[in-house]
Every structure is written in structure tokens, then in C-alpha cells.
Amino acid sequence: MAKLDARRIYQEHLDSASQAAFRGDFEEFLKHVAIPSRVEMADREIVISTSEELELVMQDYALRLQAEGVISERERCIEATFVPNMPDMIAGTSLTEWTFADGRPPRRFANRIVLLRYPDGWKLMWLQSDLACEDLDMISPEFAAAQASILSSLRLQ
């Protein structure tokens, strides 16, 4: 029974967060993402440590999808389960599909997500995607490099 509940929670989270991001609705999107959270794309990774960083990344995502001609985004849960001995954490895999205005074939890519239950709901705390930032020109290499440099200097102290 828990697996079915985990899948339902995961899918509901995907639907709500994806719709908010696609619309560029930051206030709604913020309800679905933990601060801090980690985002690992196929070609770079960042830690989102403030709501301002999250807003920049989310706005960039919405603008890039529009520029690319994406007219709809659909998220489908492949699998999701509660992490053993951690009833407040769900790990799962999903498939994202983009539909384009110009009739190009849909683009699909897999994501792995970990959700953590907060008092105000389930929030993404880790995302690993097969999508490369370079494919959509999101999360600039400069932003990722600046973060890496800051994190590296903090580890040395």
C-alpha cells in the first residue's frame, strides 16, 4: 500500500511543480522545492541555497522552454517508493515529455527526484536529470562555476 501512496504523492508533486514552473509562477513553484536543494543536470550541477537563486533558475527554465517552442510539458511517474526507514522521504523516477508548437517529435528525458515531507507539504530536495543544460542554454556555466568556486573555498576553511 505504501508504494501506491508514494507514487500518488510523487505524481501529484510532479504535476503541481511542473505546471507552476511551466507557467513561470514562482510563488507556487516555491511551495514545491526545498531550500537548499541540489540540481544535477547531465552536464552541470548546482545547489540552490536561496529563494532568489531558485527564482532565477525557474524563470530561466520557463523562458527557455518558450524560446524553444515548447507548448506543453507532461511529467509521468515511472516508479516511486518511500525510502526504507524514512517515511518522510520518497525517491522516484519520472519521464518528462515536451510537445513543440512546430510539430517536431516530442522530446523525452528521465529524471530522478527525492522528495522530503515538510510541515507544509512534500518538497523536492534533489533532482538528477538526463537533460543537459546546454540543450536549453539554462543554468549558465558561469553560474555553476561561481557556485563550485564558492563551495570549494568553504570546504577549505
N, C-alpha and C. Protein backbone atom coordinates (compact mmCIF):
# COMPACT_ATOMS: atom_id res chain seq x y z
N MET A 1 0.81 -1.20 0.00
CA MET A 1 0.00 0.00 0.00
C MET A 1 0.86 1.27 0.00
N ALA A 2 1.98 1.26 0.75
CA ALA A 2 2.84 2.44 0.83
C ALA A 2 3.39 2.81 -0.54
N LYS A 3 3.70 1.82 -1.37
CA LYS A 3 4.24 2.12 -2.69
C LYS A 3 3.22 2.88 -3.53
N LEU A 4 1.94 2.48 -3.45
CA LEU A 4 0.90 3.20 -4.18
C LEU A 4 0.78 4.62 -3.67
N ASP A 5 0.84 4.81 -2.37
CA ASP A 5 0.78 6.15 -1.79
C ASP A 5 1.98 6.98 -2.24
N ALA A 6 3.15 6.40 -2.24
CA ALA A 6 4.36 7.11 -2.67
C ALA A 6 4.23 7.54 -4.13
N ARG A 7 3.72 6.67 -4.97
CA ARG A 7 3.53 7.01 -6.40
C ARG A 7 2.53 8.15 -6.55
N ARG A 8 1.45 8.10 -5.79
CA ARG A 8 0.43 9.15 -5.89
C ARG A 8 1.01 10.50 -5.44
N ILE A 9 1.70 10.51 -4.31
CA ILE A 9 2.33 11.73 -3.80
C ILE A 9 3.33 12.27 -4.82
N TYR A 10 4.15 11.39 -5.34
CA TYR A 10 5.18 11.76 -6.31
C TYR A 10 4.54 12.36 -7.56
N GLN A 11 3.51 11.71 -8.10
CA GLN A 11 2.85 12.21 -9.31
C GLN A 11 2.17 13.54 -9.05
N GLU A 12 1.51 13.67 -7.92
CA GLU A 12 0.87 14.95 -7.59
C GLU A 12 1.90 16.06 -7.49
N HIS A 13 3.05 15.74 -6.90
CA HIS A 13 4.12 16.73 -6.81
C HIS A 13 4.62 17.11 -8.20
N LEU A 14 4.85 16.10 -9.05
CA LEU A 14 5.29 16.37 -10.42
C LEU A 14 4.32 17.29 -11.13
N ASP A 15 3.03 16.98 -11.05
CA ASP A 15 2.01 17.76 -11.74
C ASP A 15 2.00 19.20 -11.27
N SER A 16 1.96 19.40 -9.98
CA SER A 16 1.88 20.76 -9.42
C SER A 16 3.14 21.58 -9.69
N ALA A 17 4.30 20.99 -9.43
CA ALA A 17 5.56 21.72 -9.62
C ALA A 17 5.80 22.02 -11.09
N SER A 18 5.54 21.05 -11.95
CA SER A 18 5.76 21.23 -13.38
C SER A 18 4.85 22.32 -13.95
N GLN A 19 3.59 22.30 -13.57
CA GLN A 19 2.66 23.32 -14.06
C GLN A 19 3.08 24.71 -13.60
N ALA A 20 3.50 24.84 -12.35
CA ALA A 20 3.94 26.13 -11.84
C ALA A 20 5.19 26.62 -12.57
N ALA A 21 6.16 25.74 -12.78
CA ALA A 21 7.39 26.12 -13.48
C ALA A 21 7.09 26.50 -14.92
N PHE A 22 6.27 25.71 -15.59
CA PHE A 22 5.95 25.97 -17.00
C PHE A 22 5.25 27.32 -17.15
N ARG A 23 4.40 27.68 -16.20
CA ARG A 23 3.69 28.98 -16.24
C ARG A 23 4.58 30.13 -15.77
N GLY A 24 5.71 29.80 -15.14
CA GLY A 24 6.55 30.84 -14.57
C GLY A 24 5.99 31.41 -13.28
N ASP A 25 5.19 30.62 -12.57
CA ASP A 25 4.55 31.04 -11.32
C ASP A 25 5.49 30.71 -10.16
N PHE A 26 6.35 31.66 -9.82
CA PHE A 26 7.38 31.40 -8.82
C PHE A 26 6.80 31.12 -7.45
N GLU A 27 5.81 31.90 -7.02
CA GLU A 27 5.24 31.71 -5.69
C GLU A 27 4.71 30.29 -5.51
N GLU A 28 4.02 29.78 -6.53
CA GLU A 28 3.50 28.40 -6.46
C GLU A 28 4.65 27.39 -6.53
N PHE A 29 5.62 27.64 -7.41
CA PHE A 29 6.75 26.72 -7.57
C PHE A 29 7.54 26.60 -6.27
N LEU A 30 7.71 27.73 -5.58
CA LEU A 30 8.47 27.75 -4.33
C LEU A 30 7.88 26.80 -3.29
N LYS A 31 6.57 26.56 -3.36
CA LYS A 31 5.91 25.65 -2.42
C LYS A 31 6.36 24.20 -2.61
N HIS A 32 6.99 23.90 -3.74
CA HIS A 32 7.31 22.52 -4.10
C HIS A 32 8.80 22.19 -4.08
N VAL A 33 9.64 23.17 -3.71
CA VAL A 33 11.09 22.97 -3.74
C VAL A 33 11.69 23.39 -2.41
N ALA A 34 12.50 22.51 -1.84
CA ALA A 34 13.18 22.80 -0.58
C ALA A 34 14.35 23.75 -0.83
N ILE A 35 14.64 24.55 0.16
CA ILE A 35 15.82 25.41 0.13
C ILE A 35 16.65 24.99 1.34
N PRO A 36 17.85 24.49 1.17
CA PRO A 36 18.56 24.28 -0.10
C PRO A 36 18.09 23.00 -0.80
N SER A 37 18.39 22.95 -2.08
CA SER A 37 18.15 21.74 -2.87
C SER A 37 19.28 21.61 -3.90
N ARG A 38 19.44 20.40 -4.38
CA ARG A 38 20.53 20.11 -5.32
C ARG A 38 19.93 19.72 -6.66
N VAL A 39 20.48 20.30 -7.73
CA VAL A 39 20.04 20.00 -9.09
C VAL A 39 21.26 19.52 -9.88
N GLU A 40 21.18 18.29 -10.37
CA GLU A 40 22.26 17.71 -11.17
C GLU A 40 21.72 17.45 -12.57
N MET A 41 22.16 18.27 -13.51
CA MET A 41 21.78 18.08 -14.90
C MET A 41 22.85 17.18 -15.54
N ALA A 42 22.65 16.79 -16.77
CA ALA A 42 23.60 15.88 -17.42
C ALA A 42 24.98 16.51 -17.56
N ASP A 43 25.04 17.85 -17.63
CA ASP A 43 26.32 18.49 -17.88
C ASP A 43 26.80 19.46 -16.80
N ARG A 44 25.99 19.71 -15.78
CA ARG A 44 26.44 20.55 -14.66
C ARG A 44 25.50 20.40 -13.49
N GLU A 45 25.96 20.88 -12.36
CA GLU A 45 25.14 20.76 -11.16
C GLU A 45 25.25 22.02 -10.33
N ILE A 46 24.20 22.28 -9.57
CA ILE A 46 24.19 23.43 -8.67
C ILE A 46 23.46 23.06 -7.38
N VAL A 47 23.70 23.85 -6.37
CA VAL A 47 22.95 23.79 -5.14
C VAL A 47 22.17 25.09 -5.07
N ILE A 48 20.87 24.99 -4.95
CA ILE A 48 20.05 26.18 -4.83
C ILE A 48 19.92 26.47 -3.35
N SER A 49 20.56 27.56 -2.93
CA SER A 49 20.65 27.83 -1.49
C SER A 49 19.78 28.98 -1.03
N THR A 50 19.16 29.70 -1.96
CA THR A 50 18.26 30.80 -1.58
C THR A 50 17.04 30.80 -2.50
N SER A 51 15.97 31.43 -2.04
CA SER A 51 14.78 31.54 -2.89
C SER A 51 15.08 32.40 -4.11
N GLU A 52 16.00 33.35 -3.99
CA GLU A 52 16.37 34.19 -5.14
C GLU A 52 17.03 33.35 -6.23
N GLU A 53 17.93 32.43 -5.83
CA GLU A 53 18.54 31.54 -6.82
C GLU A 53 17.49 30.65 -7.47
N LEU A 54 16.57 30.15 -6.66
CA LEU A 54 15.51 29.31 -7.21
C LEU A 54 14.67 30.08 -8.22
N GLU A 55 14.36 31.31 -7.90
CA GLU A 55 13.56 32.13 -8.82
C GLU A 55 14.30 32.36 -10.13
N LEU A 56 15.60 32.63 -10.07
CA LEU A 56 16.39 32.81 -11.30
C LEU A 56 16.38 31.55 -12.16
N VAL A 57 16.60 30.41 -11.53
CA VAL A 57 16.64 29.14 -12.27
C VAL A 57 15.27 28.83 -12.86
N MET A 58 14.21 29.03 -12.08
CA MET A 58 12.86 28.73 -12.55
C MET A 58 12.44 29.66 -13.69
N GLN A 59 12.72 30.95 -13.56
CA GLN A 59 12.38 31.89 -14.63
C GLN A 59 13.15 31.57 -15.90
N ASP A 60 14.42 31.24 -15.74
CA ASP A 60 15.24 30.87 -16.89
C ASP A 60 14.66 29.64 -17.59
N TYR A 61 14.24 28.67 -16.82
CA TYR A 61 13.65 27.45 -17.35
C TYR A 61 12.40 27.77 -18.17
N ALA A 62 11.49 28.55 -17.59
CA ALA A 62 10.24 28.90 -18.28
C ALA A 62 10.53 29.68 -19.57
N LEU A 63 11.46 30.63 -19.52
CA LEU A 63 11.80 31.42 -20.71
C LEU A 63 12.44 30.57 -21.80
N ARG A 64 13.31 29.64 -21.39
CA ARG A 64 13.98 28.77 -22.37
C ARG A 64 12.98 27.83 -23.05
N LEU A 65 12.02 27.32 -22.29
CA LEU A 65 11.00 26.47 -22.90
C LEU A 65 10.19 27.25 -23.92
N GLN A 66 9.81 28.47 -23.59
CA GLN A 66 9.07 29.31 -24.53
C GLN A 66 9.89 29.58 -25.78
N ALA A 67 11.16 29.93 -25.58
CA ALA A 67 12.04 30.24 -26.72
C ALA A 67 12.23 29.02 -27.63
N GLU A 68 12.20 27.85 -27.03
CA GLU A 68 12.39 26.61 -27.78
C GLU A 68 11.10 26.16 -28.47
N GLY A 69 9.98 26.81 -28.15
CA GLY A 69 8.71 26.46 -28.78
C GLY A 69 7.97 25.34 -28.11
N VAL A 70 8.29 25.07 -26.84
CA VAL A 70 7.59 24.03 -26.09
C VAL A 70 6.22 24.57 -25.68
N ILE A 71 5.16 23.86 -26.08
CA ILE A 71 3.80 24.32 -25.76
C ILE A 71 3.16 23.52 -24.63
N SER A 72 3.73 22.37 -24.31
CA SER A 72 3.23 21.63 -23.15
C SER A 72 4.34 20.75 -22.59
N GLU A 73 4.23 20.53 -21.30
CA GLU A 73 5.17 19.68 -20.59
C GLU A 73 4.35 18.69 -19.78
N ARG A 74 4.66 17.42 -19.96
CA ARG A 74 3.95 16.37 -19.23
C ARG A 74 4.97 15.57 -18.43
N GLU A 75 4.65 15.32 -17.17
CA GLU A 75 5.52 14.54 -16.29
C GLU A 75 4.78 13.26 -15.92
N ARG A 76 5.48 12.15 -15.98
CA ARG A 76 4.86 10.87 -15.64
C ARG A 76 5.77 10.10 -14.69
N CYS A 77 5.22 9.71 -13.57
CA CYS A 77 5.96 8.91 -12.60
C CYS A 77 6.19 7.51 -13.16
N ILE A 78 7.41 7.06 -13.17
CA ILE A 78 7.76 5.70 -13.58
C ILE A 78 7.70 4.79 -12.35
N GLU A 79 8.36 5.24 -11.29
CA GLU A 79 8.34 4.49 -10.03
C GLU A 79 8.62 5.47 -8.89
N ALA A 80 8.10 5.15 -7.74
CA ALA A 80 8.35 5.95 -6.54
C ALA A 80 8.12 5.07 -5.33
N THR A 81 8.94 5.27 -4.34
CA THR A 81 8.82 4.46 -3.12
C THR A 81 9.33 5.27 -1.94
N PHE A 82 8.79 4.97 -0.78
CA PHE A 82 9.32 5.57 0.43
C PHE A 82 10.71 5.00 0.67
N VAL A 83 11.64 5.86 1.07
CA VAL A 83 12.99 5.42 1.38
C VAL A 83 12.90 4.54 2.64
N PRO A 84 13.52 3.35 2.62
CA PRO A 84 13.44 2.44 3.78
C PRO A 84 13.80 3.16 5.09
N ASN A 85 12.97 2.96 6.09
CA ASN A 85 13.15 3.53 7.42
C ASN A 85 13.08 5.06 7.46
N MET A 86 12.55 5.66 6.39
CA MET A 86 12.42 7.12 6.33
C MET A 86 11.05 7.46 5.74
N PRO A 87 10.00 7.41 6.52
CA PRO A 87 8.65 7.63 5.99
C PRO A 87 8.40 9.04 5.50
N ASP A 88 9.32 9.97 5.76
CA ASP A 88 9.18 11.34 5.28
C ASP A 88 9.98 11.62 4.02
N MET A 89 10.47 10.56 3.37
CA MET A 89 11.28 10.74 2.17
C MET A 89 10.83 9.76 1.08
N ILE A 90 10.66 10.28 -0.13
CA ILE A 90 10.28 9.47 -1.28
C ILE A 90 11.33 9.64 -2.37
N ALA A 91 11.77 8.54 -2.95
CA ALA A 91 12.68 8.56 -4.09
C ALA A 91 11.96 7.96 -5.28
N GLY A 92 12.15 8.57 -6.43
CA GLY A 92 11.47 8.05 -7.61
C GLY A 92 12.11 8.48 -8.90
N THR A 93 11.55 7.93 -9.97
CA THR A 93 11.99 8.23 -11.33
C THR A 93 10.78 8.67 -12.13
N SER A 94 11.00 9.65 -12.98
CA SER A 94 9.91 10.15 -13.81
C SER A 94 10.40 10.41 -15.23
N LEU A 95 9.44 10.56 -16.11
CA LEU A 95 9.73 10.87 -17.51
C LEU A 95 9.07 12.20 -17.85
N THR A 96 9.83 13.12 -18.39
CA THR A 96 9.31 14.40 -18.85
C THR A 96 9.16 14.34 -20.36
N GLU A 97 8.05 14.88 -20.85
CA GLU A 97 7.82 14.94 -22.30
C GLU A 97 7.41 16.35 -22.68
N TRP A 98 8.11 16.91 -23.66
CA TRP A 98 7.78 18.23 -24.18
C TRP A 98 7.15 18.10 -25.55
N THR A 99 6.10 18.87 -25.78
CA THR A 99 5.45 18.95 -27.08
C THR A 99 5.79 20.32 -27.67
N PHE A 100 6.14 20.34 -28.96
CA PHE A 100 6.58 21.56 -29.62
C PHE A 100 5.50 22.13 -30.54
N ALA A 101 5.47 23.45 -30.62
CA ALA A 101 4.48 24.15 -31.46
C ALA A 101 4.66 23.85 -32.94
N ASP A 102 5.89 23.61 -33.37
CA ASP A 102 6.16 23.42 -34.80
C ASP A 102 5.98 21.98 -35.27
N GLY A 103 5.49 21.11 -34.40
CA GLY A 103 5.21 19.74 -34.81
C GLY A 103 6.39 18.78 -34.73
N ARG A 104 7.53 19.25 -34.22
CA ARG A 104 8.66 18.34 -34.02
C ARG A 104 8.22 17.18 -33.15
N PRO A 105 8.88 16.04 -33.28
CA PRO A 105 8.54 14.92 -32.38
C PRO A 105 8.75 15.34 -30.93
N PRO A 106 7.95 14.81 -30.02
CA PRO A 106 8.12 15.14 -28.59
C PRO A 106 9.53 14.78 -28.12
N ARG A 107 10.01 15.52 -27.16
CA ARG A 107 11.31 15.23 -26.54
C ARG A 107 11.04 14.64 -25.17
N ARG A 108 11.71 13.54 -24.88
CA ARG A 108 11.54 12.86 -23.59
C ARG A 108 12.89 12.69 -22.91
N PHE A 109 12.87 12.82 -21.59
CA PHE A 109 14.07 12.57 -20.80
C PHE A 109 13.67 12.15 -19.39
N ALA A 110 14.53 11.38 -18.77
CA ALA A 110 14.25 10.85 -17.44
C ALA A 110 14.83 11.76 -16.36
N ASN A 111 14.19 11.70 -15.20
CA ASN A 111 14.64 12.43 -14.01
C ASN A 111 14.54 11.50 -12.81
N ARG A 112 15.42 11.71 -11.87
CA ARG A 112 15.35 11.03 -10.60
C ARG A 112 15.19 12.13 -9.55
N ILE A 113 14.22 11.96 -8.67
CA ILE A 113 13.88 13.01 -7.72
C ILE A 113 13.74 12.41 -6.32
N VAL A 114 14.18 13.17 -5.33
CA VAL A 114 13.94 12.82 -3.93
C VAL A 114 13.10 13.94 -3.33
N LEU A 115 11.98 13.53 -2.73
CA LEU A 115 11.08 14.45 -2.06
C LEU A 115 11.21 14.26 -0.55
N LEU A 116 11.08 15.35 0.17
CA LEU A 116 11.12 15.31 1.62
C LEU A 116 9.85 15.98 2.14
N ARG A 117 9.20 15.36 3.14
CA ARG A 117 7.97 15.93 3.68
C ARG A 117 8.31 17.01 4.71
N TYR A 118 7.78 18.19 4.46
CA TYR A 118 7.87 19.33 5.37
C TYR A 118 6.50 19.53 5.99
N PRO A 119 6.40 20.35 7.04
CA PRO A 119 5.08 20.59 7.63
C PRO A 119 4.06 21.12 6.62
N ASP A 120 4.53 21.87 5.61
CA ASP A 120 3.61 22.43 4.62
C ASP A 120 3.53 21.63 3.32
N GLY A 121 4.09 20.41 3.31
CA GLY A 121 3.94 19.55 2.13
C GLY A 121 5.25 18.93 1.67
N TRP A 122 5.14 18.15 0.61
CA TRP A 122 6.29 17.46 0.03
C TRP A 122 7.06 18.41 -0.86
N LYS A 123 8.41 18.39 -0.71
CA LYS A 123 9.25 19.30 -1.48
C LYS A 123 10.42 18.55 -2.09
N LEU A 124 10.79 18.97 -3.29
CA LEU A 124 11.95 18.42 -3.98
C LEU A 124 13.19 18.89 -3.25
N MET A 125 14.05 17.92 -2.91
CA MET A 125 15.33 18.30 -2.29
C MET A 125 16.52 17.90 -3.16
N TRP A 126 16.26 17.02 -4.15
CA TRP A 126 17.33 16.56 -5.05
C TRP A 126 16.71 16.17 -6.38
N LEU A 127 17.32 16.65 -7.44
CA LEU A 127 16.88 16.31 -8.79
C LEU A 127 18.11 15.95 -9.60
N GLN A 128 18.04 14.82 -10.28
CA GLN A 128 19.07 14.42 -11.22
C GLN A 128 18.36 14.19 -12.54
N SER A 129 18.80 14.88 -13.59
CA SER A 129 18.12 14.82 -14.88
C SER A 129 19.05 14.36 -15.98
N ASP A 130 18.49 13.65 -16.95
CA ASP A 130 19.26 13.28 -18.13
C ASP A 130 19.36 14.43 -19.12
N LEU A 131 18.61 15.51 -18.90
CA LEU A 131 18.65 16.68 -19.77
C LEU A 131 19.93 17.47 -19.50
N ALA A 132 20.58 17.91 -20.54
CA ALA A 132 21.76 18.76 -20.40
C ALA A 132 21.35 20.22 -20.41
N CYS A 133 21.92 21.00 -19.53
CA CYS A 133 21.65 22.44 -19.51
C CYS A 133 21.97 23.06 -20.86
N GLU A 134 23.03 22.58 -21.48
CA GLU A 134 23.46 23.11 -22.77
C GLU A 134 22.36 22.96 -23.83
N ASP A 135 21.53 21.92 -23.70
CA ASP A 135 20.45 21.72 -24.68
C ASP A 135 19.45 22.86 -24.69
N LEU A 136 19.27 23.52 -23.55
CA LEU A 136 18.32 24.63 -23.45
C LEU A 136 19.00 25.93 -23.06
N ASP A 137 20.31 25.92 -22.95
CA ASP A 137 21.05 27.10 -22.54
C ASP A 137 20.55 27.59 -21.17
N MET A 138 20.35 26.65 -20.24
CA MET A 138 19.94 27.03 -18.89
C MET A 138 21.08 26.77 -17.92
N ILE A 139 20.94 27.33 -16.75
CA ILE A 139 21.97 27.26 -15.70
C ILE A 139 23.33 27.49 -16.35
N SER A 140 23.64 28.75 -16.53
CA SER A 140 24.86 29.11 -17.25
C SER A 140 26.09 28.47 -16.62
N PRO A 141 27.08 28.15 -17.46
CA PRO A 141 28.32 27.59 -16.93
C PRO A 141 28.97 28.54 -15.92
N GLU A 142 28.80 29.86 -16.12
CA GLU A 142 29.37 30.84 -15.20
C GLU A 142 28.73 30.73 -13.81
N PHE A 143 27.41 30.57 -13.79
CA PHE A 143 26.70 30.41 -12.52
C PHE A 143 27.17 29.15 -11.81
N ALA A 144 27.24 28.05 -12.54
CA ALA A 144 27.69 26.78 -11.96
C ALA A 144 29.13 26.87 -11.49
N ALA A 145 30.01 27.52 -12.28
CA ALA A 145 31.42 27.66 -11.91
C ALA A 145 31.57 28.54 -10.67
N ALA A 146 30.80 29.63 -10.60
CA ALA A 146 30.87 30.51 -9.44
C ALA A 146 30.45 29.75 -8.18
N GLN A 147 29.40 28.97 -8.30
CA GLN A 147 28.95 28.17 -7.15
C GLN A 147 30.01 27.15 -6.75
N ALA A 148 30.59 26.48 -7.73
CA ALA A 148 31.62 25.48 -7.44
C ALA A 148 32.80 26.13 -6.72
N SER A 149 33.17 27.30 -7.16
CA SER A 149 34.29 28.01 -6.54
C SER A 149 33.97 28.39 -5.09
N ILE A 150 32.78 28.87 -4.87
CA ILE A 150 32.37 29.24 -3.50
C ILE A 150 32.33 28.00 -2.61
N LEU A 151 31.73 26.91 -3.12
CA LEU A 151 31.66 25.67 -2.32
C LEU A 151 33.05 25.13 -2.02
N SER A 152 33.94 25.21 -3.01
CA SER A 152 35.30 24.72 -2.82
C SER A 152 36.02 25.54 -1.74
N SER A 153 35.86 26.85 -1.79
CA SER A 153 36.54 27.69 -0.79
C SER A 153 35.97 27.44 0.60
N LEU A 154 34.66 27.14 0.70
CA LEU A 154 34.08 26.85 2.01
C LEU A 154 34.62 25.54 2.57
N ARG A 155 34.87 24.57 1.70
CA ARG A 155 35.39 23.27 2.17
C ARG A 155 36.82 23.40 2.68
N LEU A 156 37.59 24.36 2.14
CA LEU A 156 39.00 24.53 2.53
C LEU A 156 39.13 25.21 3.89
N GLN A 157 38.09 25.90 4.31
CA GLN A 157 38.17 26.64 5.59
C GLN A 157 38.02 25.75 6.78
